[in-house]
Full PDB file with SEQRES, HELIX, SHEET, SSBOND, CRYST1, ORIGX, SCALE, CONECT and MASTER records, all heavy atoms in Angstrom:
SEQRES   1 A   31  THR TYR ALA ARG CYS ASN ARG LYS ASN ALA PRO TYR SER          
SEQRES   2 A   31  GLY ALA PRO HIS ASN GLY ILE ASP MET ALA SER GLY TYR          
SEQRES   3 A   31  GLY SER SER ILE HIS                                          
CRYST1    1.000    1.000    1.000  90.00  90.00  90.00 P 1           1          
ORIGX1      1.000000  0.000000  0.000000        0.00000                         
ORIGX2      0.000000  1.000000  0.000000        0.00000                         
ORIGX3      0.000000  0.000000  1.000000        0.00000                         
SCALE1      1.000000  0.000000  0.000000        0.00000                         
SCALE2      0.000000  1.000000  0.000000        0.00000                         
SCALE3      0.000000  0.000000  1.000000        0.00000                         
ATOM      1  N   THR A   1       8.837  -0.234   2.707  1.00  0.00           N  
ATOM      2  CA  THR A   1       9.654   0.869   2.197  1.00  0.00           C  
ATOM      3  C   THR A   1       8.767   2.017   1.735  1.00  0.00           C  
ATOM      4  O   THR A   1       9.047   3.183   1.984  1.00  0.00           O  
ATOM      5  CB  THR A   1      10.540   0.387   1.035  1.00  0.00           C  
ATOM      6  OG1 THR A   1      11.338  -0.692   1.497  1.00  0.00           O  
ATOM      7  CG2 THR A   1      11.427   1.491   0.516  1.00  0.00           C  
ATOM      8  N   TYR A   2       7.656   1.685   1.082  1.00  0.00           N  
ATOM      9  CA  TYR A   2       6.746   2.719   0.590  1.00  0.00           C  
ATOM     10  C   TYR A   2       5.998   3.389   1.739  1.00  0.00           C  
ATOM     11  O   TYR A   2       5.782   4.598   1.724  1.00  0.00           O  
ATOM     12  CB  TYR A   2       5.751   2.119  -0.408  1.00  0.00           C  
ATOM     13  CG  TYR A   2       4.826   3.144  -1.013  1.00  0.00           C  
ATOM     14  CD1 TYR A   2       5.258   4.010  -2.004  1.00  0.00           C  
ATOM     15  CD2 TYR A   2       3.505   3.255  -0.581  1.00  0.00           C  
ATOM     16  CE1 TYR A   2       4.412   4.966  -2.556  1.00  0.00           C  
ATOM     17  CE2 TYR A   2       2.646   4.205  -1.124  1.00  0.00           C  
ATOM     18  CZ  TYR A   2       3.107   5.049  -2.106  1.00  0.00           C  
ATOM     19  OH  TYR A   2       2.267   5.992  -2.647  1.00  0.00           O  
ATOM     20  N   ALA A   3       5.611   2.628   2.763  1.00  0.00           N  
ATOM     21  CA  ALA A   3       4.836   3.185   3.874  1.00  0.00           C  
ATOM     22  C   ALA A   3       5.635   4.203   4.686  1.00  0.00           C  
ATOM     23  O   ALA A   3       5.069   5.172   5.189  1.00  0.00           O  
ATOM     24  CB  ALA A   3       4.349   2.066   4.797  1.00  0.00           C  
ATOM     25  N   ARG A   4       6.949   3.979   4.819  1.00  0.00           N  
ATOM     26  CA  ARG A   4       7.807   4.891   5.589  1.00  0.00           C  
ATOM     27  C   ARG A   4       7.178   5.245   6.937  1.00  0.00           C  
ATOM     28  O   ARG A   4       6.910   6.408   7.231  1.00  0.00           O  
ATOM     29  CB  ARG A   4       8.115   6.141   4.786  1.00  0.00           C  
ATOM     30  CG  ARG A   4       8.873   5.874   3.506  1.00  0.00           C  
ATOM     31  CD  ARG A   4       9.224   7.157   2.810  1.00  0.00           C  
ATOM     32  NE  ARG A   4       8.033   7.963   2.589  1.00  0.00           N  
ATOM     33  CZ  ARG A   4       7.712   8.535   1.450  1.00  0.00           C  
ATOM     34  NH1 ARG A   4       8.512   8.447   0.426  1.00  0.00           N  
ATOM     35  NH2 ARG A   4       6.627   9.241   1.327  1.00  0.00           N  
ATOM     36  N   CYS A   5       6.953   4.263   7.752  1.00  0.00           N  
ATOM     37  CA  CYS A   5       6.277   4.421   9.044  1.00  0.00           C  
ATOM     38  C   CYS A   5       6.907   5.513   9.898  1.00  0.00           C  
ATOM     39  O   CYS A   5       8.120   5.690   9.912  1.00  0.00           O  
ATOM     40  CB  CYS A   5       6.306   3.103   9.812  1.00  0.00           C  
ATOM     41  SG  CYS A   5       5.393   1.804   8.969  1.00  0.00           S  
ATOM     42  N   ASN A   6       6.030   6.216  10.597  1.00  0.00           N  
ATOM     43  CA  ASN A   6       6.414   7.242  11.576  1.00  0.00           C  
ATOM     44  C   ASN A   6       7.202   8.409  10.981  1.00  0.00           C  
ATOM     45  O   ASN A   6       7.945   9.069  11.698  1.00  0.00           O  
ATOM     46  CB  ASN A   6       7.191   6.617  12.741  1.00  0.00           C  
ATOM     47  CG  ASN A   6       6.380   5.549  13.441  1.00  0.00           C  
ATOM     48  OD1 ASN A   6       5.204   5.743  13.704  1.00  0.00           O  
ATOM     49  ND2 ASN A   6       7.002   4.422  13.721  1.00  0.00           N  
ATOM     50  N   ARG A   7       7.058   8.654   9.692  1.00  0.00           N  
ATOM     51  CA  ARG A   7       7.734   9.798   9.075  1.00  0.00           C  
ATOM     52  C   ARG A   7       6.703  10.804   8.589  1.00  0.00           C  
ATOM     53  O   ARG A   7       5.625  10.437   8.139  1.00  0.00           O  
ATOM     54  CB  ARG A   7       8.585   9.344   7.883  1.00  0.00           C  
ATOM     55  CG  ARG A   7       9.753   8.491   8.304  1.00  0.00           C  
ATOM     56  CD  ARG A   7      10.658   8.258   7.136  1.00  0.00           C  
ATOM     57  NE  ARG A   7      11.701   7.313   7.485  1.00  0.00           N  
ATOM     58  CZ  ARG A   7      12.427   6.683   6.605  1.00  0.00           C  
ATOM     59  NH1 ARG A   7      12.259   6.881   5.315  1.00  0.00           N  
ATOM     60  NH2 ARG A   7      13.357   5.838   6.996  1.00  0.00           N  
ATOM     61  N   LYS A   8       7.067  12.068   8.652  1.00  0.00           N  
ATOM     62  CA  LYS A   8       6.187  13.115   8.148  1.00  0.00           C  
ATOM     63  C   LYS A   8       6.030  12.964   6.642  1.00  0.00           C  
ATOM     64  O   LYS A   8       6.935  12.541   5.951  1.00  0.00           O  
ATOM     65  CB  LYS A   8       6.764  14.496   8.474  1.00  0.00           C  
ATOM     66  CG  LYS A   8       6.792  14.794   9.954  1.00  0.00           C  
ATOM     67  CD  LYS A   8       7.376  16.164  10.208  1.00  0.00           C  
ATOM     68  CE  LYS A   8       7.433  16.439  11.689  1.00  0.00           C  
ATOM     69  NZ  LYS A   8       7.999  17.746  11.981  1.00  0.00           N  
ATOM     70  N   ASN A   9       4.874  13.336   6.143  1.00  0.00           N  
ATOM     71  CA  ASN A   9       4.557  13.300   4.710  1.00  0.00           C  
ATOM     72  C   ASN A   9       4.657  11.903   4.118  1.00  0.00           C  
ATOM     73  O   ASN A   9       4.879  11.754   2.919  1.00  0.00           O  
ATOM     74  CB  ASN A   9       5.449  14.279   3.935  1.00  0.00           C  
ATOM     75  CG  ASN A   9       5.266  15.697   4.410  1.00  0.00           C  
ATOM     76  OD1 ASN A   9       4.155  16.104   4.732  1.00  0.00           O  
ATOM     77  ND2 ASN A   9       6.355  16.442   4.473  1.00  0.00           N  
ATOM     78  N   ALA A  10       4.516  10.856   4.931  1.00  0.00           N  
ATOM     79  CA  ALA A  10       4.511   9.481   4.430  1.00  0.00           C  
ATOM     80  C   ALA A  10       3.150   9.190   3.795  1.00  0.00           C  
ATOM     81  O   ALA A  10       2.152   9.827   4.130  1.00  0.00           O  
ATOM     82  CB  ALA A  10       4.804   8.510   5.566  1.00  0.00           C  
ATOM     83  N   PRO A  11       3.092   8.226   2.858  1.00  0.00           N  
ATOM     84  CA  PRO A  11       1.853   7.945   2.128  1.00  0.00           C  
ATOM     85  C   PRO A  11       0.639   7.639   3.001  1.00  0.00           C  
ATOM     86  O   PRO A  11      -0.461   8.005   2.672  1.00  0.00           O  
ATOM     87  CB  PRO A  11       2.212   6.735   1.278  1.00  0.00           C  
ATOM     88  CG  PRO A  11       3.681   6.789   1.133  1.00  0.00           C  
ATOM     89  CD  PRO A  11       4.195   7.407   2.400  1.00  0.00           C  
ATOM     90  N   TYR A  12       0.798   6.946   4.112  1.00  0.00           N  
ATOM     91  CA  TYR A  12      -0.334   6.572   4.957  1.00  0.00           C  
ATOM     92  C   TYR A  12      -0.299   7.356   6.263  1.00  0.00           C  
ATOM     93  O   TYR A  12      -0.621   6.824   7.321  1.00  0.00           O  
ATOM     94  CB  TYR A  12      -0.328   5.062   5.226  1.00  0.00           C  
ATOM     95  CG  TYR A  12      -0.086   4.236   3.985  1.00  0.00           C  
ATOM     96  CD1 TYR A  12       1.003   3.384   3.888  1.00  0.00           C  
ATOM     97  CD2 TYR A  12      -0.950   4.324   2.892  1.00  0.00           C  
ATOM     98  CE1 TYR A  12       1.224   2.639   2.744  1.00  0.00           C  
ATOM     99  CE2 TYR A  12      -0.724   3.593   1.738  1.00  0.00           C  
ATOM    100  CZ  TYR A  12       0.360   2.750   1.677  1.00  0.00           C  
ATOM    101  OH  TYR A  12       0.583   2.025   0.545  1.00  0.00           O  
ATOM    102  N   SER A  13       0.129   8.605   6.193  1.00  0.00           N  
ATOM    103  CA  SER A  13       0.254   9.473   7.368  1.00  0.00           C  
ATOM    104  C   SER A  13       1.160   8.857   8.427  1.00  0.00           C  
ATOM    105  O   SER A  13       0.950   9.027   9.614  1.00  0.00           O  
ATOM    106  CB  SER A  13      -1.129   9.769   7.954  1.00  0.00           C  
ATOM    107  OG  SER A  13      -1.942  10.407   6.991  1.00  0.00           O  
ATOM    108  N   GLY A  14       2.155   8.112   7.984  1.00  0.00           N  
ATOM    109  CA  GLY A  14       3.122   7.505   8.887  1.00  0.00           C  
ATOM    110  C   GLY A  14       2.716   6.165   9.452  1.00  0.00           C  
ATOM    111  O   GLY A  14       3.464   5.550  10.206  1.00  0.00           O  
ATOM    112  N   ALA A  15       1.522   5.669   9.106  1.00  0.00           N  
ATOM    113  CA  ALA A  15       1.043   4.378   9.601  1.00  0.00           C  
ATOM    114  C   ALA A  15       1.572   3.242   8.718  1.00  0.00           C  
ATOM    115  O   ALA A  15       1.920   3.456   7.554  1.00  0.00           O  
ATOM    116  CB  ALA A  15      -0.481   4.353   9.615  1.00  0.00           C  
ATOM    117  N   PRO A  16       1.603   2.020   9.237  1.00  0.00           N  
ATOM    118  CA  PRO A  16       1.992   0.864   8.421  1.00  0.00           C  
ATOM    119  C   PRO A  16       0.948   0.591   7.337  1.00  0.00           C  
ATOM    120  O   PRO A  16      -0.205   1.021   7.441  1.00  0.00           O  
ATOM    121  CB  PRO A  16       2.036  -0.283   9.430  1.00  0.00           C  
ATOM    122  CG  PRO A  16       2.115   0.365  10.770  1.00  0.00           C  
ATOM    123  CD  PRO A  16       1.395   1.667  10.645  1.00  0.00           C  
ATOM    124  N   HIS A  17       1.342  -0.139   6.314  1.00  0.00           N  
ATOM    125  CA  HIS A  17       0.426  -0.570   5.253  1.00  0.00           C  
ATOM    126  C   HIS A  17      -0.489  -1.647   5.827  1.00  0.00           C  
ATOM    127  O   HIS A  17      -0.016  -2.620   6.400  1.00  0.00           O  
ATOM    128  CB  HIS A  17       1.250  -1.115   4.064  1.00  0.00           C  
ATOM    129  CG  HIS A  17       0.447  -1.378   2.848  1.00  0.00           C  
ATOM    130  ND1 HIS A  17       0.509  -2.578   2.171  1.00  0.00           N  
ATOM    131  CD2 HIS A  17      -0.414  -0.606   2.151  1.00  0.00           C  
ATOM    132  CE1 HIS A  17      -0.271  -2.525   1.122  1.00  0.00           C  
ATOM    133  NE2 HIS A  17      -0.850  -1.331   1.091  1.00  0.00           N  
ATOM    134  N   ASN A  18      -1.806  -1.497   5.672  1.00  0.00           N  
ATOM    135  CA  ASN A  18      -2.764  -2.366   6.352  1.00  0.00           C  
ATOM    136  C   ASN A  18      -3.186  -3.602   5.565  1.00  0.00           C  
ATOM    137  O   ASN A  18      -4.160  -4.265   5.921  1.00  0.00           O  
ATOM    138  CB  ASN A  18      -4.015  -1.577   6.742  1.00  0.00           C  
ATOM    139  CG  ASN A  18      -4.864  -1.230   5.532  1.00  0.00           C  
ATOM    140  OD1 ASN A  18      -4.379  -1.188   4.408  1.00  0.00           O  
ATOM    141  ND2 ASN A  18      -6.125  -0.956   5.761  1.00  0.00           N  
ATOM    142  N   GLY A  19      -2.478  -3.937   4.523  1.00  0.00           N  
ATOM    143  CA  GLY A  19      -2.831  -5.109   3.724  1.00  0.00           C  
ATOM    144  C   GLY A  19      -1.696  -5.466   2.796  1.00  0.00           C  
ATOM    145  O   GLY A  19      -0.549  -5.078   3.023  1.00  0.00           O  
ATOM    146  N   ILE A  20      -2.038  -6.207   1.748  1.00  0.00           N  
ATOM    147  CA  ILE A  20      -1.056  -6.542   0.722  1.00  0.00           C  
ATOM    148  C   ILE A  20      -1.598  -6.097  -0.627  1.00  0.00           C  
ATOM    149  O   ILE A  20      -2.803  -6.083  -0.843  1.00  0.00           O  
ATOM    150  CB  ILE A  20      -0.708  -8.055   0.701  1.00  0.00           C  
ATOM    151  CG1 ILE A  20      -1.950  -8.915   0.476  1.00  0.00           C  
ATOM    152  CG2 ILE A  20       0.004  -8.451   1.995  1.00  0.00           C  
ATOM    153  CD1 ILE A  20      -1.668 -10.406   0.315  1.00  0.00           C  
ATOM    154  N   ASP A  21      -0.701  -5.687  -1.502  1.00  0.00           N  
ATOM    155  CA  ASP A  21      -1.062  -5.281  -2.856  1.00  0.00           C  
ATOM    156  C   ASP A  21      -0.586  -6.343  -3.829  1.00  0.00           C  
ATOM    157  O   ASP A  21       0.534  -6.844  -3.709  1.00  0.00           O  
ATOM    158  CB  ASP A  21      -0.402  -3.945  -3.223  1.00  0.00           C  
ATOM    159  CG  ASP A  21      -0.937  -2.784  -2.401  1.00  0.00           C  
ATOM    160  OD1 ASP A  21      -2.034  -2.923  -1.820  1.00  0.00           O  
ATOM    161  OD2 ASP A  21      -0.266  -1.746  -2.351  1.00  0.00           O  
ATOM    162  N   MET A  22      -1.461  -6.681  -4.783  1.00  0.00           N  
ATOM    163  CA  MET A  22      -1.142  -7.686  -5.805  1.00  0.00           C  
ATOM    164  C   MET A  22      -1.580  -7.158  -7.163  1.00  0.00           C  
ATOM    165  O   MET A  22      -2.627  -6.517  -7.253  1.00  0.00           O  
ATOM    166  CB  MET A  22      -1.886  -8.984  -5.519  1.00  0.00           C  
ATOM    167  CG  MET A  22      -1.576  -9.588  -4.163  1.00  0.00           C  
ATOM    168  SD  MET A  22      -2.690 -10.941  -3.753  1.00  0.00           S  
ATOM    169  CE  MET A  22      -4.068 -10.021  -3.073  1.00  0.00           C  
ATOM    170  N   ALA A  23      -0.800  -7.424  -8.194  1.00  0.00           N  
ATOM    171  CA  ALA A  23      -1.153  -6.972  -9.540  1.00  0.00           C  
ATOM    172  C   ALA A  23      -1.144  -8.138 -10.512  1.00  0.00           C  
ATOM    173  O   ALA A  23      -0.196  -8.908 -10.565  1.00  0.00           O  
ATOM    174  CB  ALA A  23      -0.178  -5.905 -10.010  1.00  0.00           C  
ATOM    175  N   SER A  24      -2.250  -8.263 -11.256  1.00  0.00           N  
ATOM    176  CA  SER A  24      -2.353  -9.281 -12.305  1.00  0.00           C  
ATOM    177  C   SER A  24      -2.644  -8.646 -13.648  1.00  0.00           C  
ATOM    178  O   SER A  24      -2.653  -9.320 -14.657  1.00  0.00           O  
ATOM    179  CB  SER A  24      -3.470 -10.279 -11.976  1.00  0.00           C  
ATOM    180  OG  SER A  24      -3.108 -11.082 -10.890  1.00  0.00           O  
ATOM    181  N   GLY A  25      -2.937  -7.352 -13.636  1.00  0.00           N  
ATOM    182  CA  GLY A  25      -3.277  -6.635 -14.868  1.00  0.00           C  
ATOM    183  C   GLY A  25      -4.684  -6.081 -14.797  1.00  0.00           C  
ATOM    184  O   GLY A  25      -5.600  -6.724 -14.265  1.00  0.00           O  
ATOM    185  N   TYR A  26      -4.844  -4.884 -15.302  1.00  0.00           N  
ATOM    186  CA  TYR A  26      -6.140  -4.211 -15.269  1.00  0.00           C  
ATOM    187  C   TYR A  26      -7.232  -5.123 -15.824  1.00  0.00           C  
ATOM    188  O   TYR A  26      -7.082  -5.720 -16.885  1.00  0.00           O  
ATOM    189  CB  TYR A  26      -6.086  -2.908 -16.078  1.00  0.00           C  
ATOM    190  CG  TYR A  26      -7.330  -2.075 -15.922  1.00  0.00           C  
ATOM    191  CD1 TYR A  26      -7.426  -1.141 -14.900  1.00  0.00           C  
ATOM    192  CD2 TYR A  26      -8.416  -2.243 -16.768  1.00  0.00           C  
ATOM    193  CE1 TYR A  26      -8.567  -0.381 -14.729  1.00  0.00           C  
ATOM    194  CE2 TYR A  26      -9.565  -1.495 -16.602  1.00  0.00           C  
ATOM    195  CZ  TYR A  26      -9.641  -0.573 -15.579  1.00  0.00           C  
ATOM    196  OH  TYR A  26     -10.781   0.171 -15.410  1.00  0.00           O  
ATOM    197  N   GLY A  27      -8.331  -5.244 -15.094  1.00  0.00           N  
ATOM    198  CA  GLY A  27      -9.465  -6.048 -15.531  1.00  0.00           C  
ATOM    199  C   GLY A  27      -9.394  -7.511 -15.129  1.00  0.00           C  
ATOM    200  O   GLY A  27     -10.348  -8.252 -15.366  1.00  0.00           O  
ATOM    201  N   SER A  28      -8.287  -7.929 -14.502  1.00  0.00           N  
ATOM    202  CA  SER A  28      -8.196  -9.322 -14.040  1.00  0.00           C  
ATOM    203  C   SER A  28      -9.258  -9.568 -12.972  1.00  0.00           C  
ATOM    204  O   SER A  28      -9.568  -8.689 -12.169  1.00  0.00           O  
ATOM    205  CB  SER A  28      -6.820  -9.609 -13.434  1.00  0.00           C  
ATOM    206  OG  SER A  28      -5.817  -9.479 -14.403  1.00  0.00           O  
ATOM    207  N   SER A  29      -9.810 -10.766 -12.953  1.00  0.00           N  
ATOM    208  CA  SER A  29     -10.868 -11.076 -11.987  1.00  0.00           C  
ATOM    209  C   SER A  29     -10.315 -11.164 -10.562  1.00  0.00           C  
ATOM    210  O   SER A  29      -9.186 -11.592 -10.342  1.00  0.00           O  
ATOM    211  CB  SER A  29     -11.587 -12.366 -12.372  1.00  0.00           C  
ATOM    212  OG  SER A  29     -10.687 -13.436 -12.470  1.00  0.00           O  
ATOM    213  N   ILE A  30     -11.133 -10.727  -9.612  1.00  0.00           N  
ATOM    214  CA  ILE A  30     -10.829 -10.788  -8.184  1.00  0.00           C  
ATOM    215  C   ILE A  30     -11.760 -11.835  -7.596  1.00  0.00           C  
ATOM    216  O   ILE A  30     -12.969 -11.799  -7.819  1.00  0.00           O  
ATOM    217  CB  ILE A  30     -11.054  -9.424  -7.513  1.00  0.00           C  
ATOM    218  CG1 ILE A  30     -10.109  -8.374  -8.107  1.00  0.00           C  
ATOM    219  CG2 ILE A  30     -10.882  -9.530  -5.999  1.00  0.00           C  
ATOM    220  CD1 ILE A  30     -10.423  -6.956  -7.681  1.00  0.00           C  
ATOM    221  N   HIS A  31     -11.184 -12.753  -6.820  1.00  0.00           N  
ATOM    222  CA  HIS A  31     -11.943 -13.871  -6.258  1.00  0.00           C  
ATOM    223  C   HIS A  31     -11.992 -13.769  -4.734  1.00  0.00           C  
ATOM    224  O   HIS A  31     -11.000 -13.398  -4.103  1.00  0.00           O  
ATOM    225  CB  HIS A  31     -11.284 -15.195  -6.646  1.00  0.00           C  
ATOM    226  CG  HIS A  31     -11.146 -15.356  -8.121  1.00  0.00           C  
ATOM    227  ND1 HIS A  31     -12.054 -16.054  -8.885  1.00  0.00           N  
ATOM    228  CD2 HIS A  31     -10.216 -14.896  -8.991  1.00  0.00           C  
ATOM    229  CE1 HIS A  31     -11.691 -16.017 -10.152  1.00  0.00           C  
ATOM    230  NE2 HIS A  31     -10.568 -15.306 -10.252  1.00  0.00           N  
TER     231      HIS A  31                                                      
MASTER        0    0    0    0    0    0    0    6  230    1    0    3          
END                                                                             
């Protein structure tokens, strides 16, 4: 929904999102 593929002025220039986003809280360790 956020990527809005193939649309003008989309966040990734109309391309699909190339990964996954995860949130655990600022400063949480990344493994």
